[in-house]
C-alpha atoms as a PDB file:
ATOM      1  CA  MET A   1      84.648 -16.136 -46.837  1.00  0.00           C
ATOM      2  CA  VAL A   2      84.861 -12.362 -47.233  1.00  0.00           C
ATOM      3  CA  ALA A   3      87.206 -10.466 -44.946  1.00  0.00           C
ATOM      4  CA  ARG A   4      85.626  -7.580 -43.099  1.00  0.00           C
ATOM      5  CA  LYS A   5      87.599  -4.388 -42.631  1.00  0.00           C
ATOM      6  CA  PHE A   6      87.417  -2.666 -39.277  1.00  0.00           C
ATOM      7  CA  SER A   7      88.310   0.811 -38.083  1.00  0.00           C
ATOM      8  CA  ALA A   8      88.993   2.177 -34.599  1.00  0.00           C
ATOM      9  CA  GLY A   9      86.884   4.834 -32.892  1.00  0.00           C
ATOM     10  CA  GLN A  10      89.183   7.800 -33.610  1.00  0.00           C
ATOM     11  CA  LYS A  11      89.257   7.045 -37.336  1.00  0.00           C
ATOM     12  CA  VAL A  12      85.477   6.776 -37.285  1.00  0.00           C
ATOM     13  CA  LYS A  13      85.168  10.206 -35.631  1.00  0.00           C
ATOM     14  CA  ASP A  14      87.482  11.666 -38.252  1.00  0.00           C
ATOM     15  CA  TYR A  15      85.649   9.889 -41.118  1.00  0.00           C
ATOM     16  CA  LEU A  16      82.251  11.133 -39.933  1.00  0.00           C
ATOM     17  CA  ASN A  17      83.608  14.529 -38.816  1.00  0.00           C
ATOM     18  CA  ILE A  18      81.942  14.224 -35.392  1.00  0.00           C
ATOM     19  CA  SER A  19      83.031  15.224 -31.907  1.00  0.00           C
ATOM     20  CA  GLU A  20      83.781  12.900 -29.004  1.00  0.00           C
ATOM     21  CA  SER A  21      80.419  13.708 -27.372  1.00  0.00           C
ATOM     22  CA  THR A  22      78.500  13.034 -30.588  1.00  0.00           C
ATOM     23  CA  TYR A  23      80.418   9.771 -30.995  1.00  0.00           C
ATOM     24  CA  LYS A  24      79.502   8.648 -27.476  1.00  0.00           C
ATOM     25  CA  ARG A  25      75.861   9.669 -27.990  1.00  0.00           C
ATOM     26  CA  LYS A  26      75.618   7.735 -31.255  1.00  0.00           C
ATOM     27  CA  VAL A  27      77.121   4.632 -29.639  1.00  0.00           C
ATOM     28  CA  LYS A  28      74.733   4.951 -26.685  1.00  0.00           C
ATOM     29  CA  ASP A  29      71.615   5.382 -28.851  1.00  0.00           C
ATOM     30  CA  GLY A  30      72.627   2.562 -31.204  1.00  0.00           C
ATOM     31  CA  THR A  31      73.268   4.641 -34.300  1.00  0.00           C
ATOM     32  CA  LEU A  32      76.870   3.430 -34.256  1.00  0.00           C
ATOM     33  CA  LYS A  33      77.315  -0.206 -33.295  1.00  0.00           C
ATOM     34  CA  PRO A  34      80.903  -1.060 -32.370  1.00  0.00           C
ATOM     35  CA  VAL A  35      82.379  -4.508 -32.097  1.00  0.00           C
ATOM     36  CA  LYS A  36      83.883  -4.627 -28.598  1.00  0.00           C
ATOM     37  CA  LEU A  37      87.480  -5.791 -28.687  1.00  0.00           C
ATOM     38  CA  PRO A  38      90.142  -5.580 -25.978  1.00  0.00           C
ATOM     39  CA  GLY A  39      91.607  -2.086 -25.922  1.00  0.00           C
ATOM     40  CA  SER A  40      89.066  -0.287 -28.111  1.00  0.00           C
ATOM     41  CA  ASP A  41      85.818  -0.349 -30.022  1.00  0.00           C
ATOM     42  CA  ARG A  42      86.003  -1.321 -33.679  1.00  0.00           C
ATOM     43  CA  PHE A  43      83.548  -0.600 -36.447  1.00  0.00           C
ATOM     44  CA  CYS A  44      82.962  -2.490 -39.648  1.00  0.00           C
ATOM     45  CA  LEU A  45      83.514   0.031 -42.440  1.00  0.00           C
ATOM     46  CA  LYS A  46      80.595  -1.376 -44.403  1.00  0.00           C
ATOM     47  CA  ASP A  47      78.267  -0.658 -41.467  1.00  0.00           C
ATOM     48  CA  LEU A  48      79.349   2.997 -41.315  1.00  0.00           C
ATOM     49  CA  LEU A  49      77.689   3.933 -44.587  1.00  0.00           C
ATOM     50  CA  ALA A  50      74.385   5.026 -43.007  1.00  0.00           C
ATOM     51  CA  ALA A  51      76.167   7.144 -40.376  1.00  0.00           C
ATOM     52  CA  TYR A  52      78.349   8.695 -43.115  1.00  0.00           C
ATOM     53  CA  LEU A  53      75.290   9.567 -45.216  1.00  0.00           C
ATOM     54  CA  GLU A  54      73.586  11.109 -42.183  1.00  0.00           C
ATOM     55  CA  SER A  55      76.646  13.260 -41.469  1.00  0.00           C
ATOM     56  CA  GLN A  56      76.796  14.291 -45.079  1.00  0.00           C
ATOM     57  CA  GLN A  57      73.095  15.180 -45.106  1.00  0.00           C
ATOM     58  CA  ASN A  58      73.516  17.285 -41.945  1.00  0.00           C
ATOM     59  CA  GLY A  59      76.330  19.227 -43.619  1.00  0.00           C
ATOM     60  CA  ARG A  60      79.193  17.941 -41.464  1.00  0.00           C
ATOM     61  CA  ILE A  61      81.076  16.434 -44.362  1.00  0.00           C
END
């Protein structure tokens, strides 16, 4: 079994260089798909690759 690494919402915003409003919009439209855990949303780092590439393409990174 392969362990999956997860990151919290704030680290994701920093990683993607996006604002709080963009973060909320991307979660709402399904671009970012968090795993709901008590206390906060978590994201699998592997699943963030597409969002990272989009941010990079749009010149945010």
